[in-house]
Amino acid sequence: MKKLKIKTGDTVKIVAGDHKGTEGKVLRVDIEKNKAIVEGANLVSKHEKPSAKNPQGGITKKEAPIHISNLALIDSKSGETTKVGYEVRDGKKVRFSKKSNEVI
């Protein structure tokens, strides 16, 4: 199984593509496709037929997946983008920010 450096709940910044510069929280990560859904970013229009849940139907906005390589983790301390490292601290493997050297 592959390991990704971005997880659900992380705050990320989009560094490439149409939505470059947008920041948001990761809602879901698809490990097989290397994609993540970021809250409020990469919105696409979806046409929906009327149903019991949505009797009006119409066009709705929905977040589309973005490739992991286009995302950078934001350091909670400095508010800047950072790379992620792994190391063993106190007998546990933890993720840490390479800029501030703080556990994420």
PDB file of N, CA and C in Angstrom:
ATOM      1  N   MET A   1       0.838  -1.183   0.000  1.00  0.00           N
ATOM      2  CA  MET A   1       0.000   0.000   0.000  1.00  0.00           C
ATOM      3  C   MET A   1       0.880   1.242   0.000  1.00  0.00           C
ATOM      4  N   LYS A   2       0.487   2.239  -0.810  1.00  0.00           N
ATOM      5  CA  LYS A   2       1.261   3.466  -0.906  1.00  0.00           C
ATOM      6  C   LYS A   2       1.020   4.370   0.285  1.00  0.00           C
ATOM      7  N   LYS A   3       1.999   5.215   0.581  1.00  0.00           N
ATOM      8  CA  LYS A   3       1.902   6.154   1.687  1.00  0.00           C
ATOM      9  C   LYS A   3       1.969   7.567   1.111  1.00  0.00           C
ATOM     10  N   LEU A   4       0.985   8.391   1.436  1.00  0.00           N
ATOM     11  CA  LEU A   4       0.969   9.773   0.976  1.00  0.00           C
ATOM     12  C   LEU A   4       1.293  10.697   2.139  1.00  0.00           C
ATOM     13  N   LYS A   5       1.901  11.827   1.839  1.00  0.00           N
ATOM     14  CA  LYS A   5       2.311  12.763   2.886  1.00  0.00           C
ATOM     15  C   LYS A   5       1.193  13.710   3.291  1.00  0.00           C
ATOM     16  N   ILE A   6       0.093  13.713   2.539  1.00  0.00           N
ATOM     17  CA  ILE A   6      -1.056  14.559   2.864  1.00  0.00           C
ATOM     18  C   ILE A   6      -2.185  13.663   3.336  1.00  0.00           C
ATOM     19  N   LYS A   7      -2.818  14.063   4.448  1.00  0.00           N
ATOM     20  CA  LYS A   7      -3.892  13.263   5.037  1.00  0.00           C
ATOM     21  C   LYS A   7      -5.162  14.087   5.162  1.00  0.00           C
ATOM     22  N   THR A   8      -6.272  13.421   5.419  1.00  0.00           N
ATOM     23  CA  THR A   8      -7.547  14.082   5.628  1.00  0.00           C
ATOM     24  C   THR A   8      -7.453  15.005   6.843  1.00  0.00           C
ATOM     25  N   GLY A   9      -7.950  16.226   6.693  1.00  0.00           N
ATOM     26  CA  GLY A   9      -7.927  17.190   7.785  1.00  0.00           C
ATOM     27  C   GLY A   9      -6.771  18.179   7.706  1.00  0.00           C
ATOM     28  N   ASP A  10      -5.772  17.912   6.863  1.00  0.00           N
ATOM     29  CA  ASP A  10      -4.642  18.832   6.700  1.00  0.00           C
ATOM     30  C   ASP A  10      -5.087  20.095   5.967  1.00  0.00           C
ATOM     31  N   THR A  11      -4.444  21.212   6.269  1.00  0.00           N
ATOM     32  CA  THR A  11      -4.663  22.444   5.527  1.00  0.00           C
ATOM     33  C   THR A  11      -3.588  22.526   4.452  1.00  0.00           C
ATOM     34  N   VAL A  12      -4.023  22.690   3.195  1.00  0.00           N
ATOM     35  CA  VAL A  12      -3.092  22.672   2.074  1.00  0.00           C
ATOM     36  C   VAL A  12      -3.282  23.905   1.195  1.00  0.00           C
ATOM     37  N   LYS A  13      -2.264  24.159   0.376  1.00  0.00           N
ATOM     38  CA  LYS A  13      -2.313  25.231  -0.606  1.00  0.00           C
ATOM     39  C   LYS A  13      -2.109  24.602  -1.973  1.00  0.00           C
ATOM     40  N   ILE A  14      -2.898  25.043  -2.962  1.00  0.00           N
ATOM     41  CA  ILE A  14      -2.756  24.531  -4.318  1.00  0.00           C
ATOM     42  C   ILE A  14      -1.629  25.317  -4.985  1.00  0.00           C
ATOM     43  N   VAL A  15      -0.605  24.597  -5.475  1.00  0.00           N
ATOM     44  CA  VAL A  15       0.589  25.242  -6.018  1.00  0.00           C
ATOM     45  C   VAL A  15       0.651  25.200  -7.549  1.00  0.00           C
ATOM     46  N   ALA A  16      -0.282  24.508  -8.205  1.00  0.00           N
ATOM     47  CA  ALA A  16      -0.287  24.441  -9.661  1.00  0.00           C
ATOM     48  C   ALA A  16      -1.707  24.243 -10.163  1.00  0.00           C
ATOM     49  N   GLY A  17      -1.963  24.695 -11.382  1.00  0.00           N
ATOM     50  CA  GLY A  17      -3.269  24.504 -11.999  1.00  0.00           C
ATOM     51  C   GLY A  17      -4.110  25.764 -11.984  1.00  0.00           C
ATOM     52  N   ASP A  18      -5.367  25.605 -12.380  1.00  0.00           N
ATOM     53  CA  ASP A  18      -6.288  26.733 -12.489  1.00  0.00           C
ATOM     54  C   ASP A  18      -6.573  27.404 -11.148  1.00  0.00           C
ATOM     55  N   HIS A  19      -6.521  26.649 -10.071  1.00  0.00           N
ATOM     56  CA  HIS A  19      -6.872  27.169  -8.750  1.00  0.00           C
ATOM     57  C   HIS A  19      -5.637  27.445  -7.898  1.00  0.00           C
ATOM     58  N   LYS A  20      -4.519  27.770  -8.550  1.00  0.00           N
ATOM     59  CA  LYS A  20      -3.249  28.034  -7.871  1.00  0.00           C
ATOM     60  C   LYS A  20      -3.407  29.158  -6.850  1.00  0.00           C
ATOM     61  N   GLY A  21      -2.878  28.915  -5.637  1.00  0.00           N
ATOM     62  CA  GLY A  21      -2.940  29.906  -4.567  1.00  0.00           C
ATOM     63  C   GLY A  21      -4.090  29.707  -3.597  1.00  0.00           C
ATOM     64  N   THR A  22      -5.051  28.869  -3.946  1.00  0.00           N
ATOM     65  CA  THR A  22      -6.198  28.609  -3.086  1.00  0.00           C
ATOM     66  C   THR A  22      -5.788  27.723  -1.918  1.00  0.00           C
ATOM     67  N   GLU A  23      -6.280  28.066  -0.726  1.00  0.00           N
ATOM     68  CA  GLU A  23      -6.011  27.259   0.462  1.00  0.00           C
ATOM     69  C   GLU A  23      -7.303  26.623   0.938  1.00  0.00           C
ATOM     70  N   GLY A  24      -7.188  25.454   1.557  1.00  0.00           N
ATOM     71  CA  GLY A  24      -8.365  24.776   2.071  1.00  0.00           C
ATOM     72  C   GLY A  24      -7.999  23.525   2.841  1.00  0.00           C
ATOM     73  N   LYS A  25      -9.024  22.938   3.431  1.00  0.00           N
ATOM     74  CA  LYS A  25      -8.859  21.734   4.232  1.00  0.00           C
ATOM     75  C   LYS A  25      -9.127  20.513   3.370  1.00  0.00           C
ATOM     76  N   VAL A  26      -8.330  19.465   3.545  1.00  0.00           N
ATOM     77  CA  VAL A  26      -8.510  18.229   2.779  1.00  0.00           C
ATOM     78  C   VAL A  26      -9.702  17.469   3.352  1.00  0.00           C
ATOM     79  N   LEU A  27     -10.690  17.207   2.490  1.00  0.00           N
ATOM     80  CA  LEU A  27     -11.893  16.492   2.918  1.00  0.00           C
ATOM     81  C   LEU A  27     -11.740  14.984   2.764  1.00  0.00           C
ATOM     82  N   ARG A  28     -11.090  14.563   1.665  1.00  0.00           N
ATOM     83  CA  ARG A  28     -10.943  13.138   1.402  1.00  0.00           C
ATOM     84  C   ARG A  28      -9.699  12.905   0.557  1.00  0.00           C
ATOM     85  N   VAL A  29      -9.049  11.768   0.746  1.00  0.00           N
ATOM     86  CA  VAL A  29      -7.861  11.403  -0.025  1.00  0.00           C
ATOM     87  C   VAL A  29      -8.098  10.052  -0.681  1.00  0.00           C
ATOM     88  N   ASP A  30      -7.819   9.963  -1.992  1.00  0.00           N
ATOM     89  CA  ASP A  30      -7.914   8.710  -2.728  1.00  0.00           C
ATOM     90  C   ASP A  30      -6.494   8.212  -2.973  1.00  0.00           C
ATOM     91  N   ILE A  31      -6.079   7.198  -2.232  1.00  0.00           N
ATOM     92  CA  ILE A  31      -4.702   6.718  -2.273  1.00  0.00           C
ATOM     93  C   ILE A  31      -4.375   6.060  -3.616  1.00  0.00           C
ATOM     94  N   GLU A  32      -5.313   5.280  -4.179  1.00  0.00           N
ATOM     95  CA  GLU A  32      -5.039   4.591  -5.436  1.00  0.00           C
ATOM     96  C   GLU A  32      -4.820   5.553  -6.599  1.00  0.00           C
ATOM     97  N   LYS A  33      -5.584   6.640  -6.638  1.00  0.00           N
ATOM     98  CA  LYS A  33      -5.486   7.600  -7.743  1.00  0.00           C
ATOM     99  C   LYS A  33      -4.555   8.776  -7.435  1.00  0.00           C
ATOM    100  N   ASN A  34      -3.984   8.833  -6.240  1.00  0.00           N
ATOM    101  CA  ASN A  34      -3.112   9.936  -5.803  1.00  0.00           C
ATOM    102  C   ASN A  34      -3.818  11.281  -5.905  1.00  0.00           C
ATOM    103  N   LYS A  35      -5.079  11.339  -5.482  1.00  0.00           N
ATOM    104  CA  LYS A  35      -5.857  12.569  -5.574  1.00  0.00           C
ATOM    105  C   LYS A  35      -6.486  12.896  -4.235  1.00  0.00           C
ATOM    106  N   ALA A  36      -6.785  14.186  -4.045  1.00  0.00           N
ATOM    107  CA  ALA A  36      -7.431  14.643  -2.821  1.00  0.00           C
ATOM    108  C   ALA A  36      -8.517  15.648  -3.175  1.00  0.00           C
ATOM    109  N   ILE A  37      -9.538  15.735  -2.334  1.00  0.00           N
ATOM    110  CA  ILE A  37     -10.593  16.726  -2.502  1.00  0.00           C
ATOM    111  C   ILE A  37     -10.378  17.799  -1.448  1.00  0.00           C
ATOM    112  N   VAL A  38     -10.224  19.054  -1.912  1.00  0.00           N
ATOM    113  CA  VAL A  38      -9.952  20.179  -1.035  1.00  0.00           C
ATOM    114  C   VAL A  38     -11.206  21.036  -0.945  1.00  0.00           C
ATOM    115  N   GLU A  39     -11.563  21.418   0.278  1.00  0.00           N
ATOM    116  CA  GLU A  39     -12.765  22.196   0.546  1.00  0.00           C
ATOM    117  C   GLU A  39     -12.699  23.565  -0.135  1.00  0.00           C
ATOM    118  N   GLY A  40     -13.707  23.880  -0.953  1.00  0.00           N
ATOM    119  CA  GLY A  40     -13.812  25.187  -1.591  1.00  0.00           C
ATOM    120  C   GLY A  40     -12.883  25.401  -2.769  1.00  0.00           C
ATOM    121  N   ALA A  41     -12.201  24.368  -3.238  1.00  0.00           N
ATOM    122  CA  ALA A  41     -11.270  24.520  -4.360  1.00  0.00           C
ATOM    123  C   ALA A  41     -11.631  23.550  -5.482  1.00  0.00           C
ATOM    124  N   ASN A  42     -11.281  23.917  -6.711  1.00  0.00           N
ATOM    125  CA  ASN A  42     -11.526  23.103  -7.897  1.00  0.00           C
ATOM    126  C   ASN A  42     -13.006  22.751  -8.023  1.00  0.00           C
ATOM    127  N   LEU A  43     -13.865  23.768  -7.935  1.00  0.00           N
ATOM    128  CA  LEU A  43     -15.303  23.554  -8.040  1.00  0.00           C
ATOM    129  C   LEU A  43     -15.706  23.331  -9.493  1.00  0.00           C
ATOM    130  N   VAL A  44     -16.556  22.337  -9.715  1.00  0.00           N
ATOM    131  CA  VAL A  44     -17.094  22.044 -11.032  1.00  0.00           C
ATOM    132  C   VAL A  44     -18.620  22.071 -10.954  1.00  0.00           C
ATOM    133  N   SER A  45     -19.271  22.371 -12.080  1.00  0.00           N
ATOM    134  CA  SER A  45     -20.730  22.394 -12.134  1.00  0.00           C
ATOM    135  C   SER A  45     -21.234  21.004 -12.477  1.00  0.00           C
ATOM    136  N   LYS A  46     -22.229  20.538 -11.714  1.00  0.00           N
ATOM    137  CA  LYS A  46     -22.802  19.222 -11.963  1.00  0.00           C
ATOM    138  C   LYS A  46     -24.293  19.394 -12.201  1.00  0.00           C
ATOM    139  N   HIS A  47     -24.772  18.844 -13.309  1.00  0.00           N
ATOM    140  CA  HIS A  47     -26.188  18.907 -13.639  1.00  0.00           C
ATOM    141  C   HIS A  47     -26.893  17.744 -12.960  1.00  0.00           C
ATOM    142  N   GLU A  48     -27.941  18.056 -12.177  1.00  0.00           N
ATOM    143  CA  GLU A  48     -28.653  17.011 -11.448  1.00  0.00           C
ATOM    144  C   GLU A  48     -30.111  16.968 -11.872  1.00  0.00           C
ATOM    145  N   LYS A  49     -30.597  15.738 -12.068  1.00  0.00           N
ATOM    146  CA  LYS A  49     -32.003  15.551 -12.391  1.00  0.00           C
ATOM    147  C   LYS A  49     -32.831  15.716 -11.122  1.00  0.00           C
ATOM    148  N   PRO A  50     -34.086  16.122 -11.248  1.00  0.00           N
ATOM    149  CA  PRO A  50     -34.945  16.178 -10.063  1.00  0.00           C
ATOM    150  C   PRO A  50     -35.110  14.797  -9.433  1.00  0.00           C
ATOM    151  N   SER A  51     -35.057  14.758  -8.099  1.00  0.00           N
ATOM    152  CA  SER A  51     -35.216  13.497  -7.379  1.00  0.00           C
ATOM    153  C   SER A  51     -35.965  13.790  -6.079  1.00  0.00           C
ATOM    154  N   ALA A  52     -36.211  12.759  -5.292  1.00  0.00           N
ATOM    155  CA  ALA A  52     -36.897  12.937  -4.016  1.00  0.00           C
ATOM    156  C   ALA A  52     -36.044  13.788  -3.071  1.00  0.00           C
ATOM    157  N   LYS A  53     -34.730  13.603  -3.138  1.00  0.00           N
ATOM    158  CA  LYS A  53     -33.816  14.355  -2.276  1.00  0.00           C
ATOM    159  C   LYS A  53     -33.708  15.811  -2.736  1.00  0.00           C
ATOM    160  N   ASN A  54     -33.689  16.009  -4.052  1.00  0.00           N
ATOM    161  CA  ASN A  54     -33.554  17.340  -4.637  1.00  0.00           C
ATOM    162  C   ASN A  54     -34.668  17.502  -5.680  1.00  0.00           C
ATOM    163  N   PRO A  55     -35.902  17.906  -5.250  1.00  0.00           N
ATOM    164  CA  PRO A  55     -37.033  17.940  -6.179  1.00  0.00           C
ATOM    165  C   PRO A  55     -36.886  18.993  -7.279  1.00  0.00           C
ATOM    166  N   GLN A  56     -36.118  20.048  -7.031  1.00  0.00           N
ATOM    167  CA  GLN A  56     -35.944  21.112  -8.016  1.00  0.00           C
ATOM    168  C   GLN A  56     -34.979  20.694  -9.131  1.00  0.00           C
ATOM    169  N   GLY A  57     -33.926  19.929  -8.777  1.00  0.00           N
ATOM    170  CA  GLY A  57     -32.902  19.575  -9.751  1.00  0.00           C
ATOM    171  C   GLY A  57     -32.019  20.792 -10.012  1.00  0.00           C
ATOM    172  N   GLY A  58     -31.407  20.859 -11.195  1.00  0.00           N
ATOM    173  CA  GLY A  58     -30.628  22.029 -11.568  1.00  0.00           C
ATOM    174  C   GLY A  58     -29.129  21.782 -11.533  1.00  0.00           C
ATOM    175  N   ILE A  59     -28.379  22.899 -11.538  1.00  0.00           N
ATOM    176  CA  ILE A  59     -26.921  22.848 -11.576  1.00  0.00           C
ATOM    177  C   ILE A  59     -26.373  23.144 -10.189  1.00  0.00           C
ATOM    178  N   THR A  60     -25.510  22.255  -9.678  1.00  0.00           N
ATOM    179  CA  THR A  60     -24.894  22.448  -8.362  1.00  0.00           C
ATOM    180  C   THR A  60     -23.377  22.489  -8.506  1.00  0.00           C
ATOM    181  N   LYS A  61     -22.723  23.169  -7.575  1.00  0.00           N
ATOM    182  CA  LYS A  61     -21.260  23.228  -7.549  1.00  0.00           C
ATOM    183  C   LYS A  61     -20.747  22.139  -6.623  1.00  0.00           C
ATOM    184  N   LYS A  62     -19.658  21.466  -7.062  1.00  0.00           N
ATOM    185  CA  LYS A  62     -19.114  20.343  -6.312  1.00  0.00           C
ATOM    186  C   LYS A  62     -17.596  20.361  -6.433  1.00  0.00           C
ATOM    187  N   GLU A  63     -16.893  19.984  -5.355  1.00  0.00           N
ATOM    188  CA  GLU A  63     -15.429  19.917  -5.401  1.00  0.00           C
ATOM    189  C   GLU A  63     -14.980  18.688  -6.182  1.00  0.00           C
ATOM    190  N   ALA A  64     -14.011  18.898  -7.068  1.00  0.00           N
ATOM    191  CA  ALA A  64     -13.451  17.795  -7.853  1.00  0.00           C
ATOM    192  C   ALA A  64     -12.075  17.443  -7.291  1.00  0.00           C
ATOM    193  N   PRO A  65     -11.622  16.202  -7.485  1.00  0.00           N
ATOM    194  CA  PRO A  65     -10.307  15.799  -6.968  1.00  0.00           C
ATOM    195  C   PRO A  65      -9.158  16.537  -7.653  1.00  0.00           C
ATOM    196  N   ILE A  66      -8.080  16.775  -6.890  1.00  0.00           N
ATOM    197  CA  ILE A  66      -6.856  17.411  -7.381  1.00  0.00           C
ATOM    198  C   ILE A  66      -5.712  16.439  -7.122  1.00  0.00           C
ATOM    199  N   HIS A  67      -4.763  16.369  -8.043  1.00  0.00           N
ATOM    200  CA  HIS A  67      -3.628  15.466  -7.868  1.00  0.00           C
ATOM    201  C   HIS A  67      -2.770  15.940  -6.693  1.00  0.00           C
ATOM    202  N   ILE A  68      -2.258  14.994  -5.921  1.00  0.00           N
ATOM    203  CA  ILE A  68      -1.459  15.282  -4.719  1.00  0.00           C
ATOM    204  C   ILE A  68      -0.231  16.139  -5.038  1.00  0.00           C
ATOM    205  N   SER A  69       0.352  15.953  -6.231  1.00  0.00           N
ATOM    206  CA  SER A  69       1.553  16.701  -6.587  1.00  0.00           C
ATOM    207  C   SER A  69       1.288  18.199  -6.733  1.00  0.00           C
ATOM    208  N   ASN A  70       0.026  18.583  -6.868  1.00  0.00           N
ATOM    209  CA  ASN A  70      -0.334  20.000  -6.993  1.00  0.00           C
ATOM    210  C   ASN A  70      -0.681  20.632  -5.648  1.00  0.00           C
ATOM    211  N   LEU A  71      -0.479  19.895  -4.558  1.00  0.00           N
ATOM    212  CA  LEU A  71      -0.803  20.392  -3.221  1.00  0.00           C
ATOM    213  C   LEU A  71       0.449  20.493  -2.368  1.00  0.00           C
ATOM    214  N   ALA A  72       0.489  21.506  -1.489  1.00  0.00           N
ATOM    215  CA  ALA A  72       1.584  21.661  -0.532  1.00  0.00           C
ATOM    216  C   ALA A  72       0.973  21.880   0.846  1.00  0.00           C
ATOM    217  N   LEU A  73       1.494  21.176   1.826  1.00  0.00           N
ATOM    218  CA  LEU A  73       1.002  21.281   3.198  1.00  0.00           C
ATOM    219  C   LEU A  73       1.359  22.642   3.777  1.00  0.00           C
ATOM    220  N   ILE A  74       0.432  23.242   4.544  1.00  0.00           N
ATOM    221  CA  ILE A  74       0.688  24.522   5.196  1.00  0.00           C
ATOM    222  C   ILE A  74       1.067  24.262   6.645  1.00  0.00           C
ATOM    223  N   ASP A  75       2.194  24.848   7.063  1.00  0.00           N
ATOM    224  CA  ASP A  75       2.686  24.716   8.435  1.00  0.00           C
ATOM    225  C   ASP A  75       1.777  25.531   9.346  1.00  0.00           C
ATOM    226  N   SER A  76       1.263  24.916  10.418  1.00  0.00           N
ATOM    227  CA  SER A  76       0.331  25.600  11.324  1.00  0.00           C
ATOM    228  C   SER A  76       1.007  26.722  12.099  1.00  0.00           C
ATOM    229  N   LYS A  77       2.306  26.607  12.309  1.00  0.00           N
ATOM    230  CA  LYS A  77       3.028  27.610  13.095  1.00  0.00           C
ATOM    231  C   LYS A  77       3.319  28.878  12.282  1.00  0.00           C
ATOM    232  N   SER A  78       3.911  28.721  11.092  1.00  0.00           N
ATOM    233  CA  SER A  78       4.314  29.881  10.297  1.00  0.00           C
ATOM    234  C   SER A  78       3.285  30.286   9.244  1.00  0.00           C
ATOM    235  N   GLY A  79       2.402  29.375   8.859  1.00  0.00           N
ATOM    236  CA  GLY A  79       1.411  29.677   7.837  1.00  0.00           C
ATOM    237  C   GLY A  79       1.964  29.577   6.427  1.00  0.00           C
ATOM    238  N   GLU A  80       3.186  29.069   6.268  1.00  0.00           N
ATOM    239  CA  GLU A  80       3.808  28.903   4.965  1.00  0.00           C
ATOM    240  C   GLU A  80       3.761  27.440   4.542  1.00  0.00           C
ATOM    241  N   THR A  81       3.980  27.208   3.249  1.00  0.00           N
ATOM    242  CA  THR A  81       4.024  25.827   2.770  1.00  0.00           C
ATOM    243  C   THR A  81       5.307  25.160   3.249  1.00  0.00           C
ATOM    244  N   THR A  82       5.226  23.862   3.462  1.00  0.00           N
ATOM    245  CA  THR A  82       6.366  23.111   3.978  1.00  0.00           C
ATOM    246  C   THR A  82       6.373  21.705   3.409  1.00  0.00           C
ATOM    247  N   LYS A  83       7.527  21.072   3.451  1.00  0.00           N
ATOM    248  CA  LYS A  83       7.630  19.661   3.093  1.00  0.00           C
ATOM    249  C   LYS A  83       7.413  18.828   4.348  1.00  0.00           C
ATOM    250  N   VAL A  84       7.053  17.565   4.147  1.00  0.00           N
ATOM    251  CA  VAL A  84       6.761  16.670   5.259  1.00  0.00           C
ATOM    252  C   VAL A  84       7.870  15.636   5.381  1.00  0.00           C
ATOM    253  N   GLY A  85       8.309  15.388   6.608  1.00  0.00           N
ATOM    254  CA  GLY A  85       9.293  14.356   6.877  1.00  0.00           C
ATOM    255  C   GLY A  85       8.742  13.381   7.905  1.00  0.00           C
ATOM    256  N   TYR A  86       9.352  12.217   7.976  1.00  0.00           N
ATOM    257  CA  TYR A  86       8.964  11.206   8.952  1.00  0.00           C
ATOM    258  C   TYR A  86      10.186  10.861   9.794  1.00  0.00           C
ATOM    259  N   GLU A  87       9.972  10.675  11.097  1.00  0.00           N
ATOM    260  CA  GLU A  87      11.035  10.181  11.968  1.00  0.00           C
ATOM    261  C   GLU A  87      10.419   9.563  13.217  1.00  0.00           C
ATOM    262  N   VAL A  88      11.228   8.838  13.964  1.00  0.00           N
ATOM    263  CA  VAL A  88      10.752   8.190  15.182  1.00  0.00           C
ATOM    264  C   VAL A  88      11.093   9.089  16.367  1.00  0.00           C
ATOM    265  N   ARG A  89      10.064   9.508  17.087  1.00  0.00           N
ATOM    266  CA  ARG A  89      10.241  10.319  18.294  1.00  0.00           C
ATOM    267  C   ARG A  89       9.493   9.631  19.432  1.00  0.00           C
ATOM    268  N   ASP A  90      10.170   9.396  20.520  1.00  0.00           N
ATOM    269  CA  ASP A  90       9.591   8.724  21.693  1.00  0.00           C
ATOM    270  C   ASP A  90       8.981   7.370  21.337  1.00  0.00           C
ATOM    271  N   GLY A  91       9.623   6.646  20.429  1.00  0.00           N
ATOM    272  CA  GLY A  91       9.166   5.308  20.060  1.00  0.00           C
ATOM    273  C   GLY A  91       8.009   5.282  19.096  1.00  0.00           C
ATOM    274  N   LYS A  92       7.580   6.451  18.564  1.00  0.00           N
ATOM    275  CA  LYS A  92       6.473   6.518  17.614  1.00  0.00           C
ATOM    276  C   LYS A  92       6.932   7.187  16.332  1.00  0.00           C
ATOM    277  N   LYS A  93       6.451   6.689  15.199  1.00  0.00           N
ATOM    278  CA  LYS A  93       6.750   7.319  13.919  1.00  0.00           C
ATOM    279  C   LYS A  93       5.797   8.496  13.739  1.00  0.00           C
ATOM    280  N   VAL A  94       6.353   9.688  13.545  1.00  0.00           N
ATOM    281  CA  VAL A  94       5.525  10.890  13.441  1.00  0.00           C
ATOM    282  C   VAL A  94       5.872  11.675  12.178  1.00  0.00           C
ATOM    283  N   ARG A  95       4.889  12.464  11.713  1.00  0.00           N
ATOM    284  CA  ARG A  95       5.131  13.404  10.612  1.00  0.00           C
ATOM    285  C   ARG A  95       5.601  14.719  11.221  1.00  0.00           C
ATOM    286  N   PHE A  96       6.564  15.365  10.561  1.00  0.00           N
ATOM    287  CA  PHE A  96       7.003  16.664  11.063  1.00  0.00           C
ATOM    288  C   PHE A  96       7.227  17.624   9.901  1.00  0.00           C
ATOM    289  N   SER A  97       7.131  18.907  10.204  1.00  0.00           N
ATOM    290  CA  SER A  97       7.349  19.954   9.226  1.00  0.00           C
ATOM    291  C   SER A  97       8.843  20.175   9.065  1.00  0.00           C
ATOM    292  N   LYS A  98       9.330  20.150   7.821  1.00  0.00           N
ATOM    293  CA  LYS A  98      10.762  20.320   7.604  1.00  0.00           C
ATOM    294  C   LYS A  98      11.204  21.770   7.790  1.00  0.00           C
ATOM    295  N   LYS A  99      10.254  22.739   7.725  1.00  0.00           N
ATOM    296  CA  LYS A  99      10.619  24.139   7.935  1.00  0.00           C
ATOM    297  C   LYS A  99      10.768  24.469   9.409  1.00  0.00           C
ATOM    298  N   SER A 100       9.764  24.073  10.209  1.00  0.00           N
ATOM    299  CA  SER A 100       9.792  24.425  11.625  1.00  0.00           C
ATOM    300  C   SER A 100      10.232  23.269  12.516  1.00  0.00           C
ATOM    301  N   ASN A 101      10.412  22.062  11.932  1.00  0.00           N
ATOM    302  CA  ASN A 101      10.829  20.867  12.672  1.00  0.00           C
ATOM    303  C   ASN A 101       9.853  20.520  13.791  1.00  0.00           C
ATOM    304  N   GLU A 102       8.572  20.834  13.588  1.00  0.00           N
ATOM    305  CA  GLU A 102       7.541  20.592  14.599  1.00  0.00           C
ATOM    306  C   GLU A 102       6.637  19.443  14.139  1.00  0.00           C
ATOM    307  N   VAL A 103       6.162  18.646  15.094  1.00  0.00           N
ATOM    308  CA  VAL A 103       5.285  17.511  14.785  1.00  0.00           C
ATOM    309  C   VAL A 103       3.948  18.035  14.261  1.00  0.00           C
ATOM    310  N   ILE A 104       3.471  17.400  13.189  1.00  0.00           N
ATOM    311  CA  ILE A 104       2.190  17.801  12.586  1.00  0.00           C
ATOM    312  C   ILE A 104       1.074  16.999  13.240  1.00  0.00           C
TER     313      ILE A 104
END
